[in-house]
Amino acid sequence: MPKLQDSAPFSQTNTGTGQRVRVKATSQLALSWNVSPEALGTVLCRYKMLTRLSNQPERVDVRFDDQFVAWGCPADEFEAIVESPRQQTN
């Protein structure tokens, strides 16, 4: 199993489904829905809404556990978890 390391702004990563993420402490999700910044979630879907407004943020659906899925949240409210391969010990 990979070791969890640092995080990177999710909007700057080029990943999608299956990516492990954490809520930014200053995000609306953390503040309004009381989601802990320590909680890890998994991206179910990443998409951009097609509207006349070109500045719409990318959206993500994130499952935190069997009881809570955040649907349609702006991707910039999350940080991607950067995983490093396990170091081998001899």
PDB file of N, CA and C in Angstrom:
ATOM      1  N   MET A   1       0.844  -1.175   0.000  1.00  0.00           N
ATOM      2  CA  MET A   1       0.000   0.000   0.000  1.00  0.00           C
ATOM      3  C   MET A   1       0.892   1.242   0.000  1.00  0.00           C
ATOM      4  N   PRO A   2       0.573   2.260  -0.847  1.00  0.00           N
ATOM      5  CA  PRO A   2       1.394   3.461  -0.897  1.00  0.00           C
ATOM      6  C   PRO A   2       1.279   4.260   0.394  1.00  0.00           C
ATOM      7  N   LYS A   3       2.316   4.976   0.689  1.00  0.00           N
ATOM      8  CA  LYS A   3       2.335   5.827   1.870  1.00  0.00           C
ATOM      9  C   LYS A   3       1.770   7.192   1.497  1.00  0.00           C
ATOM     10  N   LEU A   4       0.842   7.728   2.315  1.00  0.00           N
ATOM     11  CA  LEU A   4       0.294   9.055   2.064  1.00  0.00           C
ATOM     12  C   LEU A   4       1.352  10.078   2.410  1.00  0.00           C
ATOM     13  N   GLN A   5       1.512  11.056   1.528  1.00  0.00           N
ATOM     14  CA  GLN A   5       2.496  12.101   1.795  1.00  0.00           C
ATOM     15  C   GLN A   5       1.816  13.444   1.820  1.00  0.00           C
ATOM     16  N   ASP A   6       2.284  14.336   1.004  1.00  0.00           N
ATOM     17  CA  ASP A   6       1.800  15.698   0.988  1.00  0.00           C
ATOM     18  C   ASP A   6       0.537  15.812   0.158  1.00  0.00           C
ATOM     19  N   SER A   7      -0.010  17.012   0.157  1.00  0.00           N
ATOM     20  CA  SER A   7      -1.163  17.281  -0.683  1.00  0.00           C
ATOM     21  C   SER A   7      -0.809  18.361  -1.690  1.00  0.00           C
ATOM     22  N   ALA A   8      -1.580  18.399  -2.772  1.00  0.00           N
ATOM     23  CA  ALA A   8      -1.388  19.399  -3.811  1.00  0.00           C
ATOM     24  C   ALA A   8      -2.757  19.941  -4.178  1.00  0.00           C
ATOM     25  N   PRO A   9      -2.843  21.199  -4.626  1.00  0.00           N
ATOM     26  CA  PRO A   9      -4.146  21.720  -5.035  1.00  0.00           C
ATOM     27  C   PRO A   9      -4.773  20.802  -6.082  1.00  0.00           C
ATOM     28  N   PHE A  10      -5.988  20.371  -5.832  1.00  0.00           N
ATOM     29  CA  PHE A  10      -6.647  19.418  -6.707  1.00  0.00           C
ATOM     30  C   PHE A  10      -6.822  19.979  -8.116  1.00  0.00           C
ATOM     31  N   SER A  11      -7.101  21.276  -8.214  1.00  0.00           N
ATOM     32  CA  SER A  11      -7.318  21.881  -9.524  1.00  0.00           C
ATOM     33  C   SER A  11      -6.063  21.873 -10.379  1.00  0.00           C
ATOM     34  N   GLN A  12      -4.888  21.673  -9.764  1.00  0.00           N
ATOM     35  CA  GLN A  12      -3.639  21.646 -10.517  1.00  0.00           C
ATOM     36  C   GLN A  12      -3.188  20.231 -10.859  1.00  0.00           C
ATOM     37  N   THR A  13      -3.927  19.243 -10.397  1.00  0.00           N
ATOM     38  CA  THR A  13      -3.569  17.866 -10.709  1.00  0.00           C
ATOM     39  C   THR A  13      -4.304  17.426 -11.958  1.00  0.00           C
ATOM     40  N   ASN A  14      -3.812  16.406 -12.586  1.00  0.00           N
ATOM     41  CA  ASN A  14      -4.396  15.935 -13.830  1.00  0.00           C
ATOM     42  C   ASN A  14      -5.032  14.561 -13.625  1.00  0.00           C
ATOM     43  N   THR A  15      -5.632  14.385 -12.481  1.00  0.00           N
ATOM     44  CA  THR A  15      -6.226  13.103 -12.158  1.00  0.00           C
ATOM     45  C   THR A  15      -7.715  13.256 -11.960  1.00  0.00           C
ATOM     46  N   GLY A  16      -8.388  12.146 -11.848  1.00  0.00           N
ATOM     47  CA  GLY A  16      -9.830  12.200 -11.675  1.00  0.00           C
ATOM     48  C   GLY A  16     -10.325  11.062 -10.823  1.00  0.00           C
ATOM     49  N   THR A  17     -11.150  10.219 -11.400  1.00  0.00           N
ATOM     50  CA  THR A  17     -11.779   9.128 -10.687  1.00  0.00           C
ATOM     51  C   THR A  17     -10.754   8.289  -9.922  1.00  0.00           C
ATOM     52  N   GLY A  18     -11.059   8.052  -8.645  1.00  0.00           N
ATOM     53  CA  GLY A  18     -10.181   7.246  -7.812  1.00  0.00           C
ATOM     54  C   GLY A  18      -9.143   8.040  -7.038  1.00  0.00           C
ATOM     55  N   GLN A  19      -8.951   9.302  -7.383  1.00  0.00           N
ATOM     56  CA  GLN A  19      -7.966  10.141  -6.684  1.00  0.00           C
ATOM     57  C   GLN A  19      -8.400  10.338  -5.235  1.00  0.00           C
ATOM     58  N   ARG A  20      -7.470  10.195  -4.309  1.00  0.00           N
ATOM     59  CA  ARG A  20      -7.742  10.455  -2.889  1.00  0.00           C
ATOM     60  C   ARG A  20      -7.572  11.956  -2.653  1.00  0.00           C
ATOM     61  N   VAL A  21      -8.527  12.539  -1.936  1.00  0.00           N
ATOM     62  CA  VAL A  21      -8.517  13.979  -1.681  1.00  0.00           C
ATOM     63  C   VAL A  21      -8.841  14.274  -0.226  1.00  0.00           C
ATOM     64  N   ARG A  22      -8.522  15.498   0.148  1.00  0.00           N
ATOM     65  CA  ARG A  22      -8.814  16.017   1.482  1.00  0.00           C
ATOM     66  C   ARG A  22      -9.456  17.385   1.267  1.00  0.00           C
ATOM     67  N   VAL A  23     -10.404  17.747   2.119  1.00  0.00           N
ATOM     68  CA  VAL A  23     -11.069  19.046   2.037  1.00  0.00           C
ATOM     69  C   VAL A  23     -10.120  20.125   2.555  1.00  0.00           C
ATOM     70  N   LYS A  24     -10.053  21.254   1.857  1.00  0.00           N
ATOM     71  CA  LYS A  24      -9.278  22.386   2.371  1.00  0.00           C
ATOM     72  C   LYS A  24      -9.983  22.926   3.610  1.00  0.00           C
ATOM     73  N   ALA A  25      -9.222  23.309   4.599  1.00  0.00           N
ATOM     74  CA  ALA A  25      -9.789  23.786   5.867  1.00  0.00           C
ATOM     75  C   ALA A  25     -10.663  25.019   5.691  1.00  0.00           C
ATOM     76  N   THR A  26     -10.390  25.827   4.661  1.00  0.00           N
ATOM     77  CA  THR A  26     -11.137  27.069   4.445  1.00  0.00           C
ATOM     78  C   THR A  26     -12.297  26.905   3.468  1.00  0.00           C
ATOM     79  N   SER A  27     -12.557  25.696   3.011  1.00  0.00           N
ATOM     80  CA  SER A  27     -13.608  25.486   2.015  1.00  0.00           C
ATOM     81  C   SER A  27     -14.998  25.565   2.635  1.00  0.00           C
ATOM     82  N   GLN A  28     -15.991  25.843   1.812  1.00  0.00           N
ATOM     83  CA  GLN A  28     -17.380  25.877   2.260  1.00  0.00           C
ATOM     84  C   GLN A  28     -17.808  24.523   2.799  1.00  0.00           C
ATOM     85  N   LEU A  29     -17.313  23.461   2.194  1.00  0.00           N
ATOM     86  CA  LEU A  29     -17.660  22.109   2.639  1.00  0.00           C
ATOM     87  C   LEU A  29     -17.189  21.891   4.072  1.00  0.00           C
ATOM     88  N   ALA A  30     -15.986  22.320   4.376  1.00  0.00           N
ATOM     89  CA  ALA A  30     -15.454  22.159   5.726  1.00  0.00           C
ATOM     90  C   ALA A  30     -16.194  23.059   6.717  1.00  0.00           C
ATOM     91  N   LEU A  31     -16.486  24.273   6.300  1.00  0.00           N
ATOM     92  CA  LEU A  31     -17.112  25.234   7.206  1.00  0.00           C
ATOM     93  C   LEU A  31     -18.608  25.001   7.385  1.00  0.00           C
ATOM     94  N   SER A  32     -19.331  24.818   6.294  1.00  0.00           N
ATOM     95  CA  SER A  32     -20.788  24.691   6.362  1.00  0.00           C
ATOM     96  C   SER A  32     -21.265  23.295   6.720  1.00  0.00           C
ATOM     97  N   TRP A  33     -20.577  22.278   6.204  1.00  0.00           N
ATOM     98  CA  TRP A  33     -21.026  20.904   6.397  1.00  0.00           C
ATOM     99  C   TRP A  33     -20.244  20.208   7.502  1.00  0.00           C
ATOM    100  N   ASN A  34     -19.323  20.940   8.111  1.00  0.00           N
ATOM    101  CA  ASN A  34     -18.549  20.411   9.223  1.00  0.00           C
ATOM    102  C   ASN A  34     -17.758  19.152   8.850  1.00  0.00           C
ATOM    103  N   VAL A  35     -17.175  19.162   7.646  1.00  0.00           N
ATOM    104  CA  VAL A  35     -16.323  18.058   7.207  1.00  0.00           C
ATOM    105  C   VAL A  35     -14.897  18.361   7.653  1.00  0.00           C
ATOM    106  N   SER A  36     -14.309  17.450   8.374  1.00  0.00           N
ATOM    107  CA  SER A  36     -12.958  17.646   8.892  1.00  0.00           C
ATOM    108  C   SER A  36     -11.936  17.672   7.760  1.00  0.00           C
ATOM    109  N   PRO A  37     -10.978  18.610   7.815  1.00  0.00           N
ATOM    110  CA  PRO A  37      -9.898  18.627   6.824  1.00  0.00           C
ATOM    111  C   PRO A  37      -9.044  17.368   6.868  1.00  0.00           C
ATOM    112  N   GLU A  38      -9.153  16.589   7.930  1.00  0.00           N
ATOM    113  CA  GLU A  38      -8.412  15.337   8.048  1.00  0.00           C
ATOM    114  C   GLU A  38      -9.127  14.180   7.337  1.00  0.00           C
ATOM    115  N   ALA A  39     -10.397  14.370   7.023  1.00  0.00           N
ATOM    116  CA  ALA A  39     -11.169  13.300   6.380  1.00  0.00           C
ATOM    117  C   ALA A  39     -10.677  13.073   4.950  1.00  0.00           C
ATOM    118  N   LEU A  40     -10.448  11.826   4.604  1.00  0.00           N
ATOM    119  CA  LEU A  40     -10.014  11.486   3.251  1.00  0.00           C
ATOM    120  C   LEU A  40     -11.212  11.000   2.451  1.00  0.00           C
ATOM    121  N   GLY A  41     -11.293  11.451   1.218  1.00  0.00           N
ATOM    122  CA  GLY A  41     -12.353  11.027   0.327  1.00  0.00           C
ATOM    123  C   GLY A  41     -11.780  10.506  -0.976  1.00  0.00           C
ATOM    124  N   THR A  42     -12.642   9.898  -1.770  1.00  0.00           N
ATOM    125  CA  THR A  42     -12.249   9.368  -3.074  1.00  0.00           C
ATOM    126  C   THR A  42     -13.124  10.006  -4.141  1.00  0.00           C
ATOM    127  N   VAL A  43     -12.496  10.519  -5.196  1.00  0.00           N
ATOM    128  CA  VAL A  43     -13.236  11.157  -6.280  1.00  0.00           C
ATOM    129  C   VAL A  43     -13.995  10.097  -7.073  1.00  0.00           C
ATOM    130  N   LEU A  44     -15.297  10.308  -7.196  1.00  0.00           N
ATOM    131  CA  LEU A  44     -16.138   9.427  -8.001  1.00  0.00           C
ATOM    132  C   LEU A  44     -16.205   9.924  -9.439  1.00  0.00           C
ATOM    133  N   CYS A  45     -16.207  11.249  -9.589  1.00  0.00           N
ATOM    134  CA  CYS A  45     -16.363  11.841 -10.916  1.00  0.00           C
ATOM    135  C   CYS A  45     -15.820  13.268 -10.889  1.00  0.00           C
ATOM    136  N   ARG A  46     -15.211  13.687 -11.993  1.00  0.00           N
ATOM    137  CA  ARG A  46     -14.699  15.054 -12.144  1.00  0.00           C
ATOM    138  C   ARG A  46     -15.227  15.578 -13.472  1.00  0.00           C
ATOM    139  N   TYR A  47     -15.823  16.781 -13.463  1.00  0.00           N
ATOM    140  CA  TYR A  47     -16.460  17.290 -14.669  1.00  0.00           C
ATOM    141  C   TYR A  47     -16.548  18.810 -14.648  1.00  0.00           C
ATOM    142  N   LYS A  48     -16.863  19.370 -15.787  1.00  0.00           N
ATOM    143  CA  LYS A  48     -17.049  20.813 -15.912  1.00  0.00           C
ATOM    144  C   LYS A  48     -18.448  21.047 -16.463  1.00  0.00           C
ATOM    145  N   MET A  49     -19.190  21.925 -15.839  1.00  0.00           N
ATOM    146  CA  MET A  49     -20.545  22.245 -16.280  1.00  0.00           C
ATOM    147  C   MET A  49     -20.460  23.076 -17.566  1.00  0.00           C
ATOM    148  N   LEU A  50     -21.269  22.724 -18.526  1.00  0.00           N
ATOM    149  CA  LEU A  50     -21.311  23.473 -19.775  1.00  0.00           C
ATOM    150  C   LEU A  50     -22.420  24.512 -19.689  1.00  0.00           C
ATOM    151  N   THR A  51     -22.020  25.758 -19.525  1.00  0.00           N
ATOM    152  CA  THR A  51     -22.967  26.863 -19.443  1.00  0.00           C
ATOM    153  C   THR A  51     -22.443  28.013 -20.286  1.00  0.00           C
ATOM    154  N   ARG A  52     -23.203  29.047 -20.351  1.00  0.00           N
ATOM    155  CA  ARG A  52     -22.762  30.230 -21.104  1.00  0.00           C
ATOM    156  C   ARG A  52     -21.637  30.964 -20.377  1.00  0.00           C
ATOM    157  N   LEU A  53     -21.537  30.728 -19.094  1.00  0.00           N
ATOM    158  CA  LEU A  53     -20.461  31.347 -18.322  1.00  0.00           C
ATOM    159  C   LEU A  53     -19.218  30.483 -18.451  1.00  0.00           C
ATOM    160  N   SER A  54     -18.171  31.027 -18.992  1.00  0.00           N
ATOM    161  CA  SER A  54     -16.959  30.239 -19.247  1.00  0.00           C
ATOM    162  C   SER A  54     -16.086  30.058 -18.009  1.00  0.00           C
ATOM    163  N   ASN A  55     -16.370  30.781 -16.958  1.00  0.00           N
ATOM    164  CA  ASN A  55     -15.499  30.713 -15.782  1.00  0.00           C
ATOM    165  C   ASN A  55     -16.036  29.770 -14.698  1.00  0.00           C
ATOM    166  N   GLN A  56     -16.851  28.819 -15.061  1.00  0.00           N
ATOM    167  CA  GLN A  56     -17.372  27.860 -14.093  1.00  0.00           C
ATOM    168  C   GLN A  56     -16.254  26.941 -13.615  1.00  0.00           C
ATOM    169  N   PRO A  57     -16.153  26.707 -12.307  1.00  0.00           N
ATOM    170  CA  PRO A  57     -15.091  25.816 -11.812  1.00  0.00           C
ATOM    171  C   PRO A  57     -15.400  24.363 -12.145  1.00  0.00           C
ATOM    172  N   GLU A  58     -14.347  23.556 -12.200  1.00  0.00           N
ATOM    173  CA  GLU A  58     -14.548  22.118 -12.348  1.00  0.00           C
ATOM    174  C   GLU A  58     -15.274  21.629 -11.113  1.00  0.00           C
ATOM    175  N   ARG A  59     -16.083  20.599 -11.290  1.00  0.00           N
ATOM    176  CA  ARG A  59     -16.844  20.023 -10.185  1.00  0.00           C
ATOM    177  C   ARG A  59     -16.399  18.596  -9.942  1.00  0.00           C
ATOM    178  N   VAL A  60     -16.576  18.139  -8.709  1.00  0.00           N
ATOM    179  CA  VAL A  60     -16.253  16.757  -8.365  1.00  0.00           C
ATOM    180  C   VAL A  60     -17.346  16.194  -7.465  1.00  0.00           C
ATOM    181  N   ASP A  61     -17.521  14.892  -7.568  1.00  0.00           N
ATOM    182  CA  ASP A  61     -18.345  14.133  -6.637  1.00  0.00           C
ATOM    183  C   ASP A  61     -17.364  13.307  -5.821  1.00  0.00           C
ATOM    184  N   VAL A  62     -17.421  13.420  -4.495  1.00  0.00           N
ATOM    185  CA  VAL A  62     -16.433  12.775  -3.625  1.00  0.00           C
ATOM    186  C   VAL A  62     -17.146  11.941  -2.555  1.00  0.00           C
ATOM    187  N   ARG A  63     -16.747  10.670  -2.442  1.00  0.00           N
ATOM    188  CA  ARG A  63     -17.279   9.798  -1.389  1.00  0.00           C
ATOM    189  C   ARG A  63     -16.306   9.801  -0.218  1.00  0.00           C
ATOM    190  N   PHE A  64     -16.829  10.173   0.957  1.00  0.00           N
ATOM    191  CA  PHE A  64     -16.015  10.161   2.166  1.00  0.00           C
ATOM    192  C   PHE A  64     -16.172   8.858   2.932  1.00  0.00           C
ATOM    193  N   ASP A  65     -17.350   8.311   2.929  1.00  0.00           N
ATOM    194  CA  ASP A  65     -17.610   7.005   3.528  1.00  0.00           C
ATOM    195  C   ASP A  65     -18.950   6.511   2.986  1.00  0.00           C
ATOM    196  N   ASP A  66     -19.450   5.422   3.491  1.00  0.00           N
ATOM    197  CA  ASP A  66     -20.708   4.880   2.990  1.00  0.00           C
ATOM    198  C   ASP A  66     -21.903   5.772   3.294  1.00  0.00           C
ATOM    199  N   GLN A  67     -21.747   6.682   4.225  1.00  0.00           N
ATOM    200  CA  GLN A  67     -22.844   7.534   4.651  1.00  0.00           C
ATOM    201  C   GLN A  67     -22.838   8.927   4.025  1.00  0.00           C
ATOM    202  N   PHE A  68     -21.696   9.365   3.458  1.00  0.00           N
ATOM    203  CA  PHE A  68     -21.609  10.744   2.988  1.00  0.00           C
ATOM    204  C   PHE A  68     -20.890  10.851   1.649  1.00  0.00           C
ATOM    205  N   VAL A  69     -21.601  11.413   0.674  1.00  0.00           N
ATOM    206  CA  VAL A  69     -21.023  11.730  -0.631  1.00  0.00           C
ATOM    207  C   VAL A  69     -21.296  13.203  -0.891  1.00  0.00           C
ATOM    208  N   ALA A  70     -20.268  13.944  -1.237  1.00  0.00           N
ATOM    209  CA  ALA A  70     -20.401  15.358  -1.587  1.00  0.00           C
ATOM    210  C   ALA A  70     -20.572  15.435  -3.098  1.00  0.00           C
ATOM    211  N   TRP A  71     -21.729  15.879  -3.558  1.00  0.00           N
ATOM    212  CA  TRP A  71     -22.040  15.923  -4.986  1.00  0.00           C
ATOM    213  C   TRP A  71     -21.841  17.328  -5.534  1.00  0.00           C
ATOM    214  N   GLY A  72     -21.158  17.443  -6.665  1.00  0.00           N
ATOM    215  CA  GLY A  72     -21.058  18.708  -7.390  1.00  0.00           C
ATOM    216  C   GLY A  72     -20.302  19.820  -6.700  1.00  0.00           C
ATOM    217  N   CYS A  73     -19.329  19.488  -5.907  1.00  0.00           N
ATOM    218  CA  CYS A  73     -18.533  20.507  -5.213  1.00  0.00           C
ATOM    219  C   CYS A  73     -17.453  21.058  -6.135  1.00  0.00           C
ATOM    220  N   PRO A  74     -17.127  22.346  -5.996  1.00  0.00           N
ATOM    221  CA  PRO A  74     -16.025  22.887  -6.783  1.00  0.00           C
ATOM    222  C   PRO A  74     -14.725  22.138  -6.466  1.00  0.00           C
ATOM    223  N   ALA A  75     -14.004  21.767  -7.502  1.00  0.00           N
ATOM    224  CA  ALA A  75     -12.764  21.003  -7.333  1.00  0.00           C
ATOM    225  C   ALA A  75     -11.730  21.768  -6.523  1.00  0.00           C
ATOM    226  N   ASP A  76     -11.768  23.095  -6.584  1.00  0.00           N
ATOM    227  CA  ASP A  76     -10.754  23.872  -5.867  1.00  0.00           C
ATOM    228  C   ASP A  76     -10.973  23.903  -4.353  1.00  0.00           C
ATOM    229  N   GLU A  77     -12.014  23.230  -3.855  1.00  0.00           N
ATOM    230  CA  GLU A  77     -12.221  23.110  -2.413  1.00  0.00           C
ATOM    231  C   GLU A  77     -11.492  21.896  -1.837  1.00  0.00           C
ATOM    232  N   PHE A  78     -10.769  21.169  -2.701  1.00  0.00           N
ATOM    233  CA  PHE A  78     -10.088  19.950  -2.284  1.00  0.00           C
ATOM    234  C   PHE A  78      -8.600  20.021  -2.585  1.00  0.00           C
ATOM    235  N   GLU A  79      -7.845  19.215  -1.844  1.00  0.00           N
ATOM    236  CA  GLU A  79      -6.422  19.018  -2.105  1.00  0.00           C
ATOM    237  C   GLU A  79      -6.229  17.552  -2.446  1.00  0.00           C
ATOM    238  N   ALA A  80      -5.472  17.296  -3.499  1.00  0.00           N
ATOM    239  CA  ALA A  80      -5.180  15.914  -3.884  1.00  0.00           C
ATOM    240  C   ALA A  80      -4.120  15.352  -2.953  1.00  0.00           C
ATOM    241  N   ILE A  81      -4.283  14.107  -2.566  1.00  0.00           N
ATOM    242  CA  ILE A  81      -3.298  13.427  -1.728  1.00  0.00           C
ATOM    243  C   ILE A  81      -2.241  12.850  -2.655  1.00  0.00           C
ATOM    244  N   VAL A  82      -1.001  13.241  -2.408  1.00  0.00           N
ATOM    245  CA  VAL A  82       0.119  12.754  -3.206  1.00  0.00           C
ATOM    246  C   VAL A  82       0.660  11.520  -2.505  1.00  0.00           C
ATOM    247  N   GLU A  83       0.654  10.404  -3.208  1.00  0.00           N
ATOM    248  CA  GLU A  83       1.129   9.150  -2.632  1.00  0.00           C
ATOM    249  C   GLU A  83       2.498   8.831  -3.180  1.00  0.00           C
ATOM    250  N   SER A  84       3.346   8.280  -2.333  1.00  0.00           N
ATOM    251  CA  SER A  84       4.665   7.844  -2.787  1.00  0.00           C
ATOM    252  C   SER A  84       4.723   6.340  -2.696  1.00  0.00           C
ATOM    253  N   PRO A  85       5.465   5.700  -3.583  1.00  0.00           N
ATOM    254  CA  PRO A  85       5.609   4.250  -3.513  1.00  0.00           C
ATOM    255  C   PRO A  85       6.245   3.850  -2.191  1.00  0.00           C
ATOM    256  N   ARG A  86       5.910   2.664  -1.748  1.00  0.00           N
ATOM    257  CA  ARG A  86       6.503   2.147  -0.520  1.00  0.00           C
ATOM    258  C   ARG A  86       8.011   1.988  -0.685  1.00  0.00           C
ATOM    259  N   GLN A  87       8.739   2.384   0.319  1.00  0.00           N
ATOM    260  CA  GLN A  87      10.178   2.187   0.282  1.00  0.00           C
ATOM    261  C   GLN A  87      10.477   0.762   0.706  1.00  0.00           C
ATOM    262  N   GLN A  88      11.350   0.119  -0.039  1.00  0.00           N
ATOM    263  CA  GLN A  88      11.704  -1.238   0.304  1.00  0.00           C
ATOM    264  C   GLN A  88      12.789  -1.234   1.384  1.00  0.00           C
ATOM    265  N   THR A  89      12.654  -2.144   2.320  1.00  0.00           N
ATOM    266  CA  THR A  89      13.666  -2.279   3.350  1.00  0.00           C
ATOM    267  C   THR A  89      14.353  -3.606   3.189  1.00  0.00           C
ATOM    268  N   ASN A  90      15.659  -3.635   3.319  1.00  0.00           N
ATOM    269  CA  ASN A  90      16.430  -4.875   3.188  1.00  0.00           C
ATOM    270  C   ASN A  90      16.988  -5.302   4.512  1.00  0.00           C
TER     271      ASN A  90
END
